Amino acid sequence: MRNRLPSWKTLAAVIAGLALLGLGVLAAANNYGKPKTVIHFITIKWKPEATPEQRQAAVDGVEKMAAQIPGIKNVWLKTKRVQGAGFESVIAIEFENEEAIKVYEKHPAHDEWYKVYIPVRGQSLTHQATN
């Protein structure tokens, strides 16, 4: 009895299968980036007398402010989880770079937001992160 070699169709199918398997492994690889933007986090403990409407106005004011200040790329306004006794809300603002934060801090729209935010803020902690 002689050894029979696989046909070219069988070899082509095996090669195609291995190629697809390789593509699947590459597609499943976790791709991530390390952007150079700066994320500014604010964790908030509201004053006890602050109404839900006042709190929401302060959070909504971040979006209004972001539309007016150059260098703000994105905002996150819905709190998913916050740690720390009494802290209830988290806001995040993404800036193009560190210079954009300086613009934000001195911009009139920031001052206008503070008129809504500061009267209802009991305490806040801020954090910034970048790469």
C-alpha atoms as a PDB file:
ATOM      1  CA  MET A   1       0.000   0.000   0.000  1.00  0.00           C
ATOM      2  CA  ARG A   2       1.416   3.361  -0.880  1.00  0.00           C
ATOM      3  CA  ASN A   3       1.118   6.658   1.039  1.00  0.00           C
ATOM      4  CA  ARG A   4      -1.346   9.000  -0.503  1.00  0.00           C
ATOM      5  CA  LEU A   5      -0.505  12.722  -0.462  1.00  0.00           C
ATOM      6  CA  PRO A   6      -3.287  15.221   0.245  1.00  0.00           C
ATOM      7  CA  SER A   7      -4.766  16.967  -2.768  1.00  0.00           C
ATOM      8  CA  TRP A   8      -4.035  20.594  -3.506  1.00  0.00           C
ATOM      9  CA  LYS A   9      -7.629  21.432  -2.499  1.00  0.00           C
ATOM     10  CA  THR A  10      -7.079  19.893   0.929  1.00  0.00           C
ATOM     11  CA  LEU A  11      -3.811  21.795   1.373  1.00  0.00           C
ATOM     12  CA  ALA A  12      -5.466  25.059   0.281  1.00  0.00           C
ATOM     13  CA  ALA A  13      -8.300  24.526   2.765  1.00  0.00           C
ATOM     14  CA  VAL A  14      -5.854  23.846   5.621  1.00  0.00           C
ATOM     15  CA  ILE A  15      -3.799  26.934   4.768  1.00  0.00           C
ATOM     16  CA  ALA A  16      -6.931  29.100   4.527  1.00  0.00           C
ATOM     17  CA  GLY A  17      -8.133  27.776   7.882  1.00  0.00           C
ATOM     18  CA  LEU A  18      -4.813  28.567   9.543  1.00  0.00           C
ATOM     19  CA  ALA A  19      -4.849  32.052   8.032  1.00  0.00           C
ATOM     20  CA  LEU A  20      -8.347  32.684   9.399  1.00  0.00           C
ATOM     21  CA  LEU A  21      -7.290  31.399  12.801  1.00  0.00           C
ATOM     22  CA  GLY A  22      -4.331  33.791  12.777  1.00  0.00           C
ATOM     23  CA  LEU A  23      -6.574  36.725  11.826  1.00  0.00           C
ATOM     24  CA  GLY A  24      -8.957  35.796  14.619  1.00  0.00           C
ATOM     25  CA  VAL A  25      -6.158  35.837  17.166  1.00  0.00           C
ATOM     26  CA  LEU A  26      -5.004  39.261  15.939  1.00  0.00           C
ATOM     27  CA  ALA A  27      -8.545  40.643  15.993  1.00  0.00           C
ATOM     28  CA  ALA A  28      -9.028  39.432  19.567  1.00  0.00           C
ATOM     29  CA  ALA A  29      -5.887  41.233  20.800  1.00  0.00           C
ATOM     30  CA  ASN A  30      -6.727  44.097  23.135  1.00  0.00           C
ATOM     31  CA  ASN A  31      -5.757  47.384  21.503  1.00  0.00           C
ATOM     32  CA  TYR A  32      -5.473  50.414  23.723  1.00  0.00           C
ATOM     33  CA  GLY A  33      -3.979  53.863  23.552  1.00  0.00           C
ATOM     34  CA  LYS A  34      -2.158  56.251  25.856  1.00  0.00           C
ATOM     35  CA  PRO A  35      -3.501  59.645  24.846  1.00  0.00           C
ATOM     36  CA  LYS A  36      -1.701  62.818  25.811  1.00  0.00           C
ATOM     37  CA  THR A  37      -4.925  64.559  26.820  1.00  0.00           C
ATOM     38  CA  VAL A  38      -5.559  65.419  30.478  1.00  0.00           C
ATOM     39  CA  ILE A  39      -8.573  64.078  32.366  1.00  0.00           C
ATOM     40  CA  HIS A  40      -9.863  66.247  35.229  1.00  0.00           C
ATOM     41  CA  PHE A  41     -12.023  64.373  37.762  1.00  0.00           C
ATOM     42  CA  ILE A  42     -14.245  66.108  40.310  1.00  0.00           C
ATOM     43  CA  THR A  43     -15.808  64.071  43.121  1.00  0.00           C
ATOM     44  CA  ILE A  44     -18.590  65.952  44.867  1.00  0.00           C
ATOM     45  CA  LYS A  45     -20.229  65.904  48.277  1.00  0.00           C
ATOM     46  CA  TRP A  46     -23.333  68.067  47.918  1.00  0.00           C
ATOM     47  CA  LYS A  47     -24.625  70.334  50.678  1.00  0.00           C
ATOM     48  CA  PRO A  48     -27.446  68.600  52.551  1.00  0.00           C
ATOM     49  CA  GLU A  49     -29.902  71.372  51.659  1.00  0.00           C
ATOM     50  CA  ALA A  50     -29.089  71.209  47.913  1.00  0.00           C
ATOM     51  CA  THR A  51     -32.166  70.080  46.014  1.00  0.00           C
ATOM     52  CA  PRO A  52     -31.984  67.465  43.250  1.00  0.00           C
ATOM     53  CA  GLU A  53     -32.808  70.252  40.762  1.00  0.00           C
ATOM     54  CA  GLN A  54     -29.906  72.406  41.981  1.00  0.00           C
ATOM     55  CA  ARG A  55     -27.523  69.465  41.792  1.00  0.00           C
ATOM     56  CA  GLN A  56     -28.659  68.647  38.267  1.00  0.00           C
ATOM     57  CA  ALA A  57     -28.298  72.302  37.233  1.00  0.00           C
ATOM     58  CA  ALA A  58     -24.680  72.222  38.427  1.00  0.00           C
ATOM     59  CA  VAL A  59     -23.973  69.034  36.473  1.00  0.00           C
ATOM     60  CA  ASP A  60     -25.761  70.363  33.365  1.00  0.00           C
ATOM     61  CA  GLY A  61     -23.703  73.537  33.694  1.00  0.00           C
ATOM     62  CA  VAL A  62     -20.557  71.532  32.948  1.00  0.00           C
ATOM     63  CA  GLU A  63     -21.880  70.708  29.486  1.00  0.00           C
ATOM     64  CA  LYS A  64     -22.853  74.336  28.851  1.00  0.00           C
ATOM     65  CA  MET A  65     -19.407  75.459  29.998  1.00  0.00           C
ATOM     66  CA  ALA A  66     -17.650  72.855  27.838  1.00  0.00           C
ATOM     67  CA  ALA A  67     -19.379  74.194  24.732  1.00  0.00           C
ATOM     68  CA  GLN A  68     -17.874  77.625  25.397  1.00  0.00           C
ATOM     69  CA  ILE A  69     -14.304  76.868  26.458  1.00  0.00           C
ATOM     70  CA  PRO A  70     -11.742  75.943  23.787  1.00  0.00           C
ATOM     71  CA  GLY A  71      -9.619  72.911  24.562  1.00  0.00           C
ATOM     72  CA  ILE A  72     -12.317  70.828  26.248  1.00  0.00           C
ATOM     73  CA  LYS A  73     -12.695  67.609  24.264  1.00  0.00           C
ATOM     74  CA  ASN A  74     -15.197  65.509  26.238  1.00  0.00           C
ATOM     75  CA  VAL A  75     -17.215  65.478  29.442  1.00  0.00           C
ATOM     76  CA  TRP A  76     -18.600  62.613  31.534  1.00  0.00           C
ATOM     77  CA  LEU A  77     -21.627  63.607  33.614  1.00  0.00           C
ATOM     78  CA  LYS A  78     -23.324  60.415  34.808  1.00  0.00           C
ATOM     79  CA  THR A  79     -21.942  58.947  38.012  1.00  0.00           C
ATOM     80  CA  LYS A  80     -21.548  55.188  37.899  1.00  0.00           C
ATOM     81  CA  ARG A  81     -19.649  54.705  41.155  1.00  0.00           C
ATOM     82  CA  VAL A  82     -18.021  56.992  43.681  1.00  0.00           C
ATOM     83  CA  GLN A  83     -15.971  56.175  46.757  1.00  0.00           C
ATOM     84  CA  GLY A  84     -15.558  58.154  49.920  1.00  0.00           C
ATOM     85  CA  ALA A  85     -18.002  58.765  52.722  1.00  0.00           C
ATOM     86  CA  GLY A  86     -20.688  61.219  51.662  1.00  0.00           C
ATOM     87  CA  PHE A  87     -19.428  61.722  48.111  1.00  0.00           C
ATOM     88  CA  GLU A  88     -22.272  61.310  45.634  1.00  0.00           C
ATOM     89  CA  SER A  89     -21.232  62.521  42.195  1.00  0.00           C
ATOM     90  CA  VAL A  90     -18.326  62.372  39.782  1.00  0.00           C
ATOM     91  CA  ILE A  91     -17.710  64.663  36.823  1.00  0.00           C
ATOM     92  CA  ALA A  92     -14.858  64.209  34.369  1.00  0.00           C
ATOM     93  CA  ILE A  93     -13.600  66.709  31.826  1.00  0.00           C
ATOM     94  CA  GLU A  94     -11.066  65.821  29.133  1.00  0.00           C
ATOM     95  CA  PHE A  95      -8.722  68.595  28.019  1.00  0.00           C
ATOM     96  CA  GLU A  96      -6.588  68.634  24.878  1.00  0.00           C
ATOM     97  CA  ASN A  97      -3.487  69.458  26.933  1.00  0.00           C
ATOM     98  CA  GLU A  98      -2.309  71.162  30.111  1.00  0.00           C
ATOM     99  CA  GLU A  99      -2.548  74.614  28.529  1.00  0.00           C
ATOM    100  CA  ALA A 100      -6.288  74.029  27.963  1.00  0.00           C
ATOM    101  CA  ILE A 101      -6.736  73.560  31.727  1.00  0.00           C
ATOM    102  CA  LYS A 102      -5.212  76.995  32.321  1.00  0.00           C
ATOM    103  CA  VAL A 103      -7.673  78.485  29.818  1.00  0.00           C
ATOM    104  CA  TYR A 104     -10.559  76.677  31.574  1.00  0.00           C
ATOM    105  CA  GLU A 105      -9.590  77.969  35.006  1.00  0.00           C
ATOM    106  CA  LYS A 106      -9.633  81.617  33.864  1.00  0.00           C
ATOM    107  CA  HIS A 107     -12.471  81.510  31.329  1.00  0.00           C
ATOM    108  CA  PRO A 108     -15.656  83.555  32.009  1.00  0.00           C
ATOM    109  CA  ALA A 109     -17.790  80.452  31.340  1.00  0.00           C
ATOM    110  CA  HIS A 110     -16.029  78.727  34.250  1.00  0.00           C
ATOM    111  CA  ASP A 111     -16.896  81.696  36.473  1.00  0.00           C
ATOM    112  CA  GLU A 112     -20.543  81.456  35.363  1.00  0.00           C
ATOM    113  CA  TRP A 113     -20.633  77.725  36.149  1.00  0.00           C
ATOM    114  CA  TYR A 114     -19.226  78.413  39.613  1.00  0.00           C
ATOM    115  CA  LYS A 115     -22.238  80.662  40.316  1.00  0.00           C
ATOM    116  CA  VAL A 116     -24.463  77.569  40.017  1.00  0.00           C
ATOM    117  CA  TYR A 117     -22.039  74.957  41.363  1.00  0.00           C
ATOM    118  CA  ILE A 118     -20.420  76.547  44.442  1.00  0.00           C
ATOM    119  CA  PRO A 119     -23.680  77.338  46.320  1.00  0.00           C
ATOM    120  CA  VAL A 120     -24.652  73.619  46.309  1.00  0.00           C
ATOM    121  CA  ARG A 121     -21.208  72.042  46.682  1.00  0.00           C
ATOM    122  CA  GLY A 122     -20.410  70.900  50.175  1.00  0.00           C
ATOM    123  CA  GLN A 123     -16.956  69.521  49.426  1.00  0.00           C
ATOM    124  CA  SER A 124     -15.122  68.403  46.309  1.00  0.00           C
ATOM    125  CA  LEU A 125     -11.907  66.624  45.483  1.00  0.00           C
ATOM    126  CA  THR A 126     -10.198  67.028  42.126  1.00  0.00           C
ATOM    127  CA  HIS A 127      -7.761  64.719  40.413  1.00  0.00           C
ATOM    128  CA  GLN A 128      -5.977  64.909  37.069  1.00  0.00           C
ATOM    129  CA  ALA A 129      -4.399  62.170  34.991  1.00  0.00           C
ATOM    130  CA  THR A 130      -2.443  62.045  31.721  1.00  0.00           C
ATOM    131  CA  ASN A 131       0.262  60.023  29.973  1.00  0.00           C
END
